[in-house]
Amino acid sequence: MKVQYDQAAGVLYITLAEGAQVSRTVQVDAGTLVDLDRFGSVRGIEVIRPGRTWPLDEILSRFSVADADAHLLRELQSGPDSGRYAFADPLHVVA
């Protein structure tokens, strides 16, 4: 898993499988896009304004995500509200 945060754009991109071809992109909400391969497995997730509550639970229930990746995605969440991406310093974001 690779996590990138563009502070200037306010966009978080989580790559679950590097080099995997994306067949389609599904908009989950106004600021969350999920990239899928031809089998419907999540290849990446783009979150605009990741400090807001974003629909990780919906993503995990709607799409195929490996258990290990689901665990790591949940680890990215913290703060008073479930579903918020924890970032204070973008230099610490790359995993």
PDB file of N, CA and C in Angstrom:
ATOM      1  N   MET A   1       0.852  -1.175   0.000  1.00  0.00           N
ATOM      2  CA  MET A   1       0.000   0.000   0.000  1.00  0.00           C
ATOM      3  C   MET A   1       0.896   1.236   0.000  1.00  0.00           C
ATOM      4  N   LYS A   2       0.496   2.198  -0.809  1.00  0.00           N
ATOM      5  CA  LYS A   2       1.222   3.460  -0.886  1.00  0.00           C
ATOM      6  C   LYS A   2       0.220   4.580  -0.653  1.00  0.00           C
ATOM      7  N   VAL A   3       0.578   5.506   0.223  1.00  0.00           N
ATOM      8  CA  VAL A   3      -0.305   6.608   0.560  1.00  0.00           C
ATOM      9  C   VAL A   3       0.393   7.913   0.178  1.00  0.00           C
ATOM     10  N   GLN A   4      -0.301   8.717  -0.624  1.00  0.00           N
ATOM     11  CA  GLN A   4       0.251   9.998  -1.041  1.00  0.00           C
ATOM     12  C   GLN A   4      -0.752  11.092  -0.709  1.00  0.00           C
ATOM     13  N   TYR A   5      -0.230  12.215  -0.207  1.00  0.00           N
ATOM     14  CA  TYR A   5      -1.089  13.353   0.111  1.00  0.00           C
ATOM     15  C   TYR A   5      -0.533  14.591  -0.569  1.00  0.00           C
ATOM     16  N   ASP A   6      -1.354  15.229  -1.376  1.00  0.00           N
ATOM     17  CA  ASP A   6      -0.994  16.478  -2.031  1.00  0.00           C
ATOM     18  C   ASP A   6      -1.607  17.604  -1.209  1.00  0.00           C
ATOM     19  N   GLN A   7      -0.766  18.241  -0.414  1.00  0.00           N
ATOM     20  CA  GLN A   7      -1.249  19.276   0.497  1.00  0.00           C
ATOM     21  C   GLN A   7      -1.829  20.465  -0.263  1.00  0.00           C
ATOM     22  N   ALA A   8      -1.201  20.865  -1.357  1.00  0.00           N
ATOM     23  CA  ALA A   8      -1.682  22.019  -2.119  1.00  0.00           C
ATOM     24  C   ALA A   8      -3.079  21.766  -2.687  1.00  0.00           C
ATOM     25  N   ALA A   9      -3.319  20.548  -3.166  1.00  0.00           N
ATOM     26  CA  ALA A   9      -4.621  20.213  -3.751  1.00  0.00           C
ATOM     27  C   ALA A   9      -5.612  19.699  -2.714  1.00  0.00           C
ATOM     28  N   GLY A  10      -5.115  19.275  -1.547  1.00  0.00           N
ATOM     29  CA  GLY A  10      -5.992  18.714  -0.524  1.00  0.00           C
ATOM     30  C   GLY A  10      -6.545  17.357  -0.927  1.00  0.00           C
ATOM     31  N   VAL A  11      -5.686  16.544  -1.562  1.00  0.00           N
ATOM     32  CA  VAL A  11      -6.132  15.253  -2.080  1.00  0.00           C
ATOM     33  C   VAL A  11      -5.239  14.132  -1.551  1.00  0.00           C
ATOM     34  N   LEU A  12      -5.889  13.082  -1.075  1.00  0.00           N
ATOM     35  CA  LEU A  12      -5.218  11.880  -0.604  1.00  0.00           C
ATOM     36  C   LEU A  12      -5.442  10.795  -1.647  1.00  0.00           C
ATOM     37  N   TYR A  13      -4.354  10.082  -2.032  1.00  0.00           N
ATOM     38  CA  TYR A  13      -4.516   8.935  -2.921  1.00  0.00           C
ATOM     39  C   TYR A  13      -3.860   7.729  -2.270  1.00  0.00           C
ATOM     40  N   ILE A  14      -4.624   6.664  -2.155  1.00  0.00           N
ATOM     41  CA  ILE A  14      -4.148   5.422  -1.560  1.00  0.00           C
ATOM     42  C   ILE A  14      -4.082   4.377  -2.660  1.00  0.00           C
ATOM     43  N   THR A  15      -2.882   3.890  -2.937  1.00  0.00           N
ATOM     44  CA  THR A  15      -2.683   2.853  -3.945  1.00  0.00           C
ATOM     45  C   THR A  15      -2.623   1.509  -3.234  1.00  0.00           C
ATOM     46  N   LEU A  16      -3.523   0.606  -3.572  1.00  0.00           N
ATOM     47  CA  LEU A  16      -3.515  -0.717  -2.959  1.00  0.00           C
ATOM     48  C   LEU A  16      -2.668  -1.701  -3.746  1.00  0.00           C
ATOM     49  N   ALA A  17      -2.568  -1.498  -5.050  1.00  0.00           N
ATOM     50  CA  ALA A  17      -1.777  -2.402  -5.887  1.00  0.00           C
ATOM     51  C   ALA A  17      -1.100  -1.592  -6.981  1.00  0.00           C
ATOM     52  N   GLU A  18       0.202  -1.377  -6.837  1.00  0.00           N
ATOM     53  CA  GLU A  18       0.942  -0.626  -7.842  1.00  0.00           C
ATOM     54  C   GLU A  18       1.047  -1.434  -9.131  1.00  0.00           C
ATOM     55  N   GLY A  19       0.931  -0.746 -10.237  1.00  0.00           N
ATOM     56  CA  GLY A  19       1.060  -1.392 -11.528  1.00  0.00           C
ATOM     57  C   GLY A  19      -0.197  -2.095 -12.010  1.00  0.00           C
ATOM     58  N   ALA A  20      -1.202  -2.212 -11.160  1.00  0.00           N
ATOM     59  CA  ALA A  20      -2.447  -2.865 -11.560  1.00  0.00           C
ATOM     60  C   ALA A  20      -3.243  -1.920 -12.465  1.00  0.00           C
ATOM     61  N   GLN A  21      -3.831  -2.465 -13.506  1.00  0.00           N
ATOM     62  CA  GLN A  21      -4.613  -1.649 -14.423  1.00  0.00           C
ATOM     63  C   GLN A  21      -5.985  -1.350 -13.844  1.00  0.00           C
ATOM     64  N   VAL A  22      -6.377  -0.102 -13.968  1.00  0.00           N
ATOM     65  CA  VAL A  22      -7.692   0.339 -13.523  1.00  0.00           C
ATOM     66  C   VAL A  22      -8.646   0.224 -14.705  1.00  0.00           C
ATOM     67  N   SER A  23      -9.752  -0.497 -14.498  1.00  0.00           N
ATOM     68  CA  SER A  23     -10.749  -0.666 -15.552  1.00  0.00           C
ATOM     69  C   SER A  23     -11.856   0.375 -15.476  1.00  0.00           C
ATOM     70  N   ARG A  24     -12.170   0.793 -14.259  1.00  0.00           N
ATOM     71  CA  ARG A  24     -13.215   1.798 -14.099  1.00  0.00           C
ATOM     72  C   ARG A  24     -13.054   2.490 -12.761  1.00  0.00           C
ATOM     73  N   THR A  25     -13.658   3.659 -12.666  1.00  0.00           N
ATOM     74  CA  THR A  25     -13.636   4.444 -11.439  1.00  0.00           C
ATOM     75  C   THR A  25     -15.072   4.695 -11.018  1.00  0.00           C
ATOM     76  N   VAL A  26     -15.340   4.468  -9.726  1.00  0.00           N
ATOM     77  CA  VAL A  26     -16.680   4.654  -9.180  1.00  0.00           C
ATOM     78  C   VAL A  26     -16.650   5.810  -8.181  1.00  0.00           C
ATOM     79  N   GLN A  27     -17.580   6.745  -8.331  1.00  0.00           N
ATOM     80  CA  GLN A  27     -17.702   7.840  -7.380  1.00  0.00           C
ATOM     81  C   GLN A  27     -18.596   7.369  -6.233  1.00  0.00           C
ATOM     82  N   VAL A  28     -18.033   7.334  -5.034  1.00  0.00           N
ATOM     83  CA  VAL A  28     -18.781   6.879  -3.858  1.00  0.00           C
ATOM     84  C   VAL A  28     -19.542   8.044  -3.226  1.00  0.00           C
ATOM     85  N   ASP A  29     -18.899   9.201  -3.154  1.00  0.00           N
ATOM     86  CA  ASP A  29     -19.570  10.428  -2.743  1.00  0.00           C
ATOM     87  C   ASP A  29     -18.910  11.572  -3.503  1.00  0.00           C
ATOM     88  N   ALA A  30     -19.289  12.794  -3.205  1.00  0.00           N
ATOM     89  CA  ALA A  30     -18.808  13.938  -3.982  1.00  0.00           C
ATOM     90  C   ALA A  30     -17.294  14.102  -3.956  1.00  0.00           C
ATOM     91  N   GLY A  31     -16.625  13.525  -2.970  1.00  0.00           N
ATOM     92  CA  GLY A  31     -15.184  13.686  -2.869  1.00  0.00           C
ATOM     93  C   GLY A  31     -14.411  12.396  -2.730  1.00  0.00           C
ATOM     94  N   THR A  32     -15.030  11.270  -3.065  1.00  0.00           N
ATOM     95  CA  THR A  32     -14.348   9.977  -2.925  1.00  0.00           C
ATOM     96  C   THR A  32     -14.538   9.146  -4.181  1.00  0.00           C
ATOM     97  N   LEU A  33     -13.411   8.770  -4.797  1.00  0.00           N
ATOM     98  CA  LEU A  33     -13.416   7.952  -6.005  1.00  0.00           C
ATOM     99  C   LEU A  33     -12.667   6.661  -5.732  1.00  0.00           C
ATOM    100  N   VAL A  34     -13.199   5.560  -6.251  1.00  0.00           N
ATOM    101  CA  VAL A  34     -12.580   4.249  -6.064  1.00  0.00           C
ATOM    102  C   VAL A  34     -12.221   3.690  -7.438  1.00  0.00           C
ATOM    103  N   ASP A  35     -10.936   3.380  -7.613  1.00  0.00           N
ATOM    104  CA  ASP A  35     -10.460   2.763  -8.845  1.00  0.00           C
ATOM    105  C   ASP A  35     -10.524   1.249  -8.706  1.00  0.00           C
ATOM    106  N   LEU A  36     -11.130   0.585  -9.698  1.00  0.00           N
ATOM    107  CA  LEU A  36     -11.326  -0.866  -9.666  1.00  0.00           C
ATOM    108  C   LEU A  36     -10.634  -1.529 -10.846  1.00  0.00           C
ATOM    109  N   ASP A  37     -10.177  -2.761 -10.643  1.00  0.00           N
ATOM    110  CA  ASP A  37      -9.640  -3.541 -11.759  1.00  0.00           C
ATOM    111  C   ASP A  37     -10.790  -4.263 -12.452  1.00  0.00           C
ATOM    112  N   ARG A  38     -10.494  -5.071 -13.449  1.00  0.00           N
ATOM    113  CA  ARG A  38     -11.560  -5.725 -14.222  1.00  0.00           C
ATOM    114  C   ARG A  38     -12.333  -6.762 -13.425  1.00  0.00           C
ATOM    115  N   PHE A  39     -11.794  -7.170 -12.264  1.00  0.00           N
ATOM    116  CA  PHE A  39     -12.476  -8.137 -11.403  1.00  0.00           C
ATOM    117  C   PHE A  39     -13.300  -7.459 -10.307  1.00  0.00           C
ATOM    118  N   GLY A  40     -13.233  -6.119 -10.240  1.00  0.00           N
ATOM    119  CA  GLY A  40     -13.973  -5.379  -9.227  1.00  0.00           C
ATOM    120  C   GLY A  40     -13.218  -5.188  -7.927  1.00  0.00           C
ATOM    121  N   SER A  41     -11.934  -5.521  -7.913  1.00  0.00           N
ATOM    122  CA  SER A  41     -11.112  -5.306  -6.716  1.00  0.00           C
ATOM    123  C   SER A  41     -10.586  -3.876  -6.704  1.00  0.00           C
ATOM    124  N   VAL A  42     -10.519  -3.304  -5.521  1.00  0.00           N
ATOM    125  CA  VAL A  42     -10.047  -1.929  -5.370  1.00  0.00           C
ATOM    126  C   VAL A  42      -8.549  -1.866  -5.647  1.00  0.00           C
ATOM    127  N   ARG A  43      -8.176  -0.974  -6.534  1.00  0.00           N
ATOM    128  CA  ARG A  43      -6.760  -0.735  -6.860  1.00  0.00           C
ATOM    129  C   ARG A  43      -6.285   0.547  -6.223  1.00  0.00           C
ATOM    130  N   GLY A  44      -7.210   1.502  -6.009  1.00  0.00           N
ATOM    131  CA  GLY A  44      -6.843   2.772  -5.405  1.00  0.00           C
ATOM    132  C   GLY A  44      -8.067   3.538  -4.951  1.00  0.00           C
ATOM    133  N   ILE A  45      -7.825   4.467  -4.037  1.00  0.00           N
ATOM    134  CA  ILE A  45      -8.900   5.312  -3.500  1.00  0.00           C
ATOM    135  C   ILE A  45      -8.390   6.749  -3.492  1.00  0.00           C
ATOM    136  N   GLU A  46      -9.174   7.653  -4.056  1.00  0.00           N
ATOM    137  CA  GLU A  46      -8.847   9.078  -4.038  1.00  0.00           C
ATOM    138  C   GLU A  46      -9.853   9.787  -3.154  1.00  0.00           C
ATOM    139  N   VAL A  47      -9.340  10.572  -2.211  1.00  0.00           N
ATOM    140  CA  VAL A  47     -10.206  11.296  -1.284  1.00  0.00           C
ATOM    141  C   VAL A  47      -9.854  12.776  -1.356  1.00  0.00           C
ATOM    142  N   ILE A  48     -10.818  13.570  -1.782  1.00  0.00           N
ATOM    143  CA  ILE A  48     -10.648  15.018  -1.824  1.00  0.00           C
ATOM    144  C   ILE A  48     -11.049  15.562  -0.457  1.00  0.00           C
ATOM    145  N   ARG A  49     -10.208  16.421   0.100  1.00  0.00           N
ATOM    146  CA  ARG A  49     -10.387  16.951   1.461  1.00  0.00           C
ATOM    147  C   ARG A  49     -10.484  15.802   2.469  1.00  0.00           C
ATOM    148  N   PRO A  50      -9.431  15.034   2.653  1.00  0.00           N
ATOM    149  CA  PRO A  50      -9.483  13.852   3.510  1.00  0.00           C
ATOM    150  C   PRO A  50      -9.682  14.141   4.989  1.00  0.00           C
ATOM    151  N   GLY A  51      -9.619  15.406   5.410  1.00  0.00           N
ATOM    152  CA  GLY A  51      -9.897  15.732   6.795  1.00  0.00           C
ATOM    153  C   GLY A  51     -11.377  15.614   7.140  1.00  0.00           C
ATOM    154  N   ARG A  52     -12.210  15.543   6.123  1.00  0.00           N
ATOM    155  CA  ARG A  52     -13.652  15.360   6.339  1.00  0.00           C
ATOM    156  C   ARG A  52     -13.927  13.878   6.596  1.00  0.00           C
ATOM    157  N   THR A  53     -15.115  13.571   7.001  1.00  0.00           N
ATOM    158  CA  THR A  53     -15.510  12.178   7.134  1.00  0.00           C
ATOM    159  C   THR A  53     -15.700  11.613   5.732  1.00  0.00           C
ATOM    160  N   TRP A  54     -14.979  10.549   5.429  1.00  0.00           N
ATOM    161  CA  TRP A  54     -15.108   9.916   4.114  1.00  0.00           C
ATOM    162  C   TRP A  54     -15.568   8.486   4.297  1.00  0.00           C
ATOM    163  N   PRO A  55     -16.254   7.915   3.309  1.00  0.00           N
ATOM    164  CA  PRO A  55     -17.031   6.685   3.467  1.00  0.00           C
ATOM    165  C   PRO A  55     -16.231   5.369   3.363  1.00  0.00           C
ATOM    166  N   LEU A  56     -15.263   5.175   4.241  1.00  0.00           N
ATOM    167  CA  LEU A  56     -14.481   3.945   4.191  1.00  0.00           C
ATOM    168  C   LEU A  56     -15.347   2.712   4.436  1.00  0.00           C
ATOM    169  N   ASP A  57     -16.250   2.769   5.388  1.00  0.00           N
ATOM    170  CA  ASP A  57     -17.108   1.605   5.659  1.00  0.00           C
ATOM    171  C   ASP A  57     -17.920   1.219   4.417  1.00  0.00           C
ATOM    172  N   GLU A  58     -18.426   2.208   3.711  1.00  0.00           N
ATOM    173  CA  GLU A  58     -19.180   1.921   2.491  1.00  0.00           C
ATOM    174  C   GLU A  58     -18.278   1.298   1.427  1.00  0.00           C
ATOM    175  N   ILE A  59     -17.065   1.816   1.303  1.00  0.00           N
ATOM    176  CA  ILE A  59     -16.117   1.261   0.327  1.00  0.00           C
ATOM    177  C   ILE A  59     -15.836  -0.203   0.652  1.00  0.00           C
ATOM    178  N   LEU A  60     -15.569  -0.495   1.919  1.00  0.00           N
ATOM    179  CA  LEU A  60     -15.243  -1.865   2.318  1.00  0.00           C
ATOM    180  C   LEU A  60     -16.429  -2.812   2.164  1.00  0.00           C
ATOM    181  N   SER A  61     -17.643  -2.290   2.289  1.00  0.00           N
ATOM    182  CA  SER A  61     -18.812  -3.164   2.149  1.00  0.00           C
ATOM    183  C   SER A  61     -19.219  -3.351   0.678  1.00  0.00           C
ATOM    184  N   ARG A  62     -18.953  -2.357  -0.169  1.00  0.00           N
ATOM    185  CA  ARG A  62     -19.377  -2.420  -1.573  1.00  0.00           C
ATOM    186  C   ARG A  62     -18.380  -3.092  -2.506  1.00  0.00           C
ATOM    187  N   PHE A  63     -17.085  -3.017  -2.157  1.00  0.00           N
ATOM    188  CA  PHE A  63     -16.056  -3.441  -3.093  1.00  0.00           C
ATOM    189  C   PHE A  63     -15.136  -4.483  -2.476  1.00  0.00           C
ATOM    190  N   SER A  64     -14.448  -5.218  -3.346  1.00  0.00           N
ATOM    191  CA  SER A  64     -13.535  -6.261  -2.918  1.00  0.00           C
ATOM    192  C   SER A  64     -12.192  -5.649  -2.483  1.00  0.00           C
ATOM    193  N   VAL A  65     -11.889  -5.805  -1.191  1.00  0.00           N
ATOM    194  CA  VAL A  65     -10.632  -5.309  -0.620  1.00  0.00           C
ATOM    195  C   VAL A  65     -10.052  -6.442   0.226  1.00  0.00           C
ATOM    196  N   ALA A  66      -8.784  -6.759   0.017  1.00  0.00           N
ATOM    197  CA  ALA A  66      -8.135  -7.805   0.803  1.00  0.00           C
ATOM    198  C   ALA A  66      -8.179  -7.441   2.279  1.00  0.00           C
ATOM    199  N   ASP A  67      -8.286  -8.444   3.134  1.00  0.00           N
ATOM    200  CA  ASP A  67      -8.371  -8.213   4.580  1.00  0.00           C
ATOM    201  C   ASP A  67      -7.208  -7.381   5.102  1.00  0.00           C
ATOM    202  N   ALA A  68      -6.000  -7.673   4.636  1.00  0.00           N
ATOM    203  CA  ALA A  68      -4.825  -6.930   5.094  1.00  0.00           C
ATOM    204  C   ALA A  68      -4.921  -5.455   4.694  1.00  0.00           C
ATOM    205  N   ASP A  69      -5.397  -5.192   3.470  1.00  0.00           N
ATOM    206  CA  ASP A  69      -5.566  -3.811   3.023  1.00  0.00           C
ATOM    207  C   ASP A  69      -6.666  -3.112   3.807  1.00  0.00           C
ATOM    208  N   ALA A  70      -7.752  -3.821   4.069  1.00  0.00           N
ATOM    209  CA  ALA A  70      -8.849  -3.241   4.853  1.00  0.00           C
ATOM    210  C   ALA A  70      -8.346  -2.849   6.234  1.00  0.00           C
ATOM    211  N   HIS A  71      -7.527  -3.693   6.823  1.00  0.00           N
ATOM    212  CA  HIS A  71      -6.964  -3.397   8.144  1.00  0.00           C
ATOM    213  C   HIS A  71      -6.101  -2.128   8.087  1.00  0.00           C
ATOM    214  N   LEU A  72      -5.247  -2.021   7.082  1.00  0.00           N
ATOM    215  CA  LEU A  72      -4.388  -0.846   6.949  1.00  0.00           C
ATOM    216  C   LEU A  72      -5.208   0.416   6.680  1.00  0.00           C
ATOM    217  N   LEU A  73      -6.261   0.303   5.880  1.00  0.00           N
ATOM    218  CA  LEU A  73      -7.120   1.456   5.635  1.00  0.00           C
ATOM    219  C   LEU A  73      -7.775   1.931   6.925  1.00  0.00           C
ATOM    220  N   ARG A  74      -8.211   0.997   7.736  1.00  0.00           N
ATOM    221  CA  ARG A  74      -8.823   1.377   9.026  1.00  0.00           C
ATOM    222  C   ARG A  74      -7.797   2.022   9.953  1.00  0.00           C
ATOM    223  N   GLU A  75      -6.538   1.589   9.837  1.00  0.00           N
ATOM    224  CA  GLU A  75      -5.477   2.186  10.646  1.00  0.00           C
ATOM    225  C   GLU A  75      -5.251   3.648  10.286  1.00  0.00           C
ATOM    226  N   LEU A  76      -5.556   4.010   9.042  1.00  0.00           N
ATOM    227  CA  LEU A  76      -5.401   5.401   8.615  1.00  0.00           C
ATOM    228  C   LEU A  76      -6.424   6.320   9.280  1.00  0.00           C
ATOM    229  N   GLN A  77      -7.487   5.743   9.775  1.00  0.00           N
ATOM    230  CA  GLN A  77      -8.545   6.540  10.391  1.00  0.00           C
ATOM    231  C   GLN A  77      -8.211   6.809  11.859  1.00  0.00           C
ATOM    232  N   SER A  78      -8.480   8.023  12.269  1.00  0.00           N
ATOM    233  CA  SER A  78      -8.358   8.356  13.693  1.00  0.00           C
ATOM    234  C   SER A  78      -9.078   9.665  13.944  1.00  0.00           C
ATOM    235  N   GLY A  79      -8.979  10.157  15.138  1.00  0.00           N
ATOM    236  CA  GLY A  79      -9.638  11.399  15.490  1.00  0.00           C
ATOM    237  C   GLY A  79     -10.980  11.129  16.143  1.00  0.00           C
ATOM    238  N   PRO A  80     -11.684  12.175  16.492  1.00  0.00           N
ATOM    239  CA  PRO A  80     -12.952  12.027  17.207  1.00  0.00           C
ATOM    240  C   PRO A  80     -14.052  11.373  16.384  1.00  0.00           C
ATOM    241  N   ASP A  81     -13.976  11.505  15.055  1.00  0.00           N
ATOM    242  CA  ASP A  81     -14.999  10.921  14.186  1.00  0.00           C
ATOM    243  C   ASP A  81     -14.400   9.770  13.405  1.00  0.00           C
ATOM    244  N   SER A  82     -15.057   8.632  13.402  1.00  0.00           N
ATOM    245  CA  SER A  82     -14.617   7.512  12.577  1.00  0.00           C
ATOM    246  C   SER A  82     -14.694   7.927  11.119  1.00  0.00           C
ATOM    247  N   GLY A  83     -13.739   7.485  10.321  1.00  0.00           N
ATOM    248  CA  GLY A  83     -13.754   7.814   8.907  1.00  0.00           C
ATOM    249  C   GLY A  83     -12.937   9.027   8.555  1.00  0.00           C
ATOM    250  N   ARG A  84     -12.197   9.571   9.492  1.00  0.00           N
ATOM    251  CA  ARG A  84     -11.371  10.737   9.199  1.00  0.00           C
ATOM    252  C   ARG A  84      -9.936  10.297   9.020  1.00  0.00           C
ATOM    253  N   TYR A  85      -9.291  10.851   8.012  1.00  0.00           N
ATOM    254  CA  TYR A  85      -7.902  10.531   7.733  1.00  0.00           C
ATOM    255  C   TYR A  85      -7.019  11.383   8.638  1.00  0.00           C
ATOM    256  N   ALA A  86      -6.157  10.741   9.371  1.00  0.00           N
ATOM    257  CA  ALA A  86      -5.293  11.463  10.309  1.00  0.00           C
ATOM    258  C   ALA A  86      -4.033  11.928   9.590  1.00  0.00           C
ATOM    259  N   PHE A  87      -3.852  13.215   9.507  1.00  0.00           N
ATOM    260  CA  PHE A  87      -2.594  13.727   8.988  1.00  0.00           C
ATOM    261  C   PHE A  87      -2.325  15.066   9.644  1.00  0.00           C
ATOM    262  N   ALA A  88      -1.114  15.211  10.098  1.00  0.00           N
ATOM    263  CA  ALA A  88      -0.703  16.473  10.657  1.00  0.00           C
ATOM    264  C   ALA A  88       0.390  17.072   9.794  1.00  0.00           C
ATOM    265  N   ASP A  89       1.295  16.228   9.364  1.00  0.00           N
ATOM    266  CA  ASP A  89       2.433  16.660   8.570  1.00  0.00           C
ATOM    267  C   ASP A  89       2.519  15.730   7.369  1.00  0.00           C
ATOM    268  N   PRO A  90       2.323  16.250   6.154  1.00  0.00           N
ATOM    269  CA  PRO A  90       2.319  15.378   4.973  1.00  0.00           C
ATOM    270  C   PRO A  90       3.607  14.596   4.779  1.00  0.00           C
ATOM    271  N   LEU A  91       4.695  15.013   5.392  1.00  0.00           N
ATOM    272  CA  LEU A  91       5.947  14.279   5.264  1.00  0.00           C
ATOM    273  C   LEU A  91       5.865  12.895   5.924  1.00  0.00           C
ATOM    274  N   HIS A  92       4.938  12.722   6.839  1.00  0.00           N
ATOM    275  CA  HIS A  92       4.779  11.454   7.542  1.00  0.00           C
ATOM    276  C   HIS A  92       3.731  10.551   6.905  1.00  0.00           C
ATOM    277  N   VAL A  93       3.200  10.956   5.762  1.00  0.00           N
ATOM    278  CA  VAL A  93       2.086  10.238   5.162  1.00  0.00           C
ATOM    279  C   VAL A  93       2.547   9.053   4.317  1.00  0.00           C
ATOM    280  N   VAL A  94       3.650   9.154   3.610  1.00  0.00           N
ATOM    281  CA  VAL A  94       4.071   8.103   2.695  1.00  0.00           C
ATOM    282  C   VAL A  94       4.396   6.829   3.450  1.00  0.00           C
ATOM    283  N   ALA A  95       3.732   5.732   3.042  1.00  0.00           N
ATOM    284  CA  ALA A  95       3.922   4.445   3.717  1.00  0.00           C
ATOM    285  C   ALA A  95       4.638   3.477   2.814  1.00  0.00           C
TER     286      ALA A  95
END
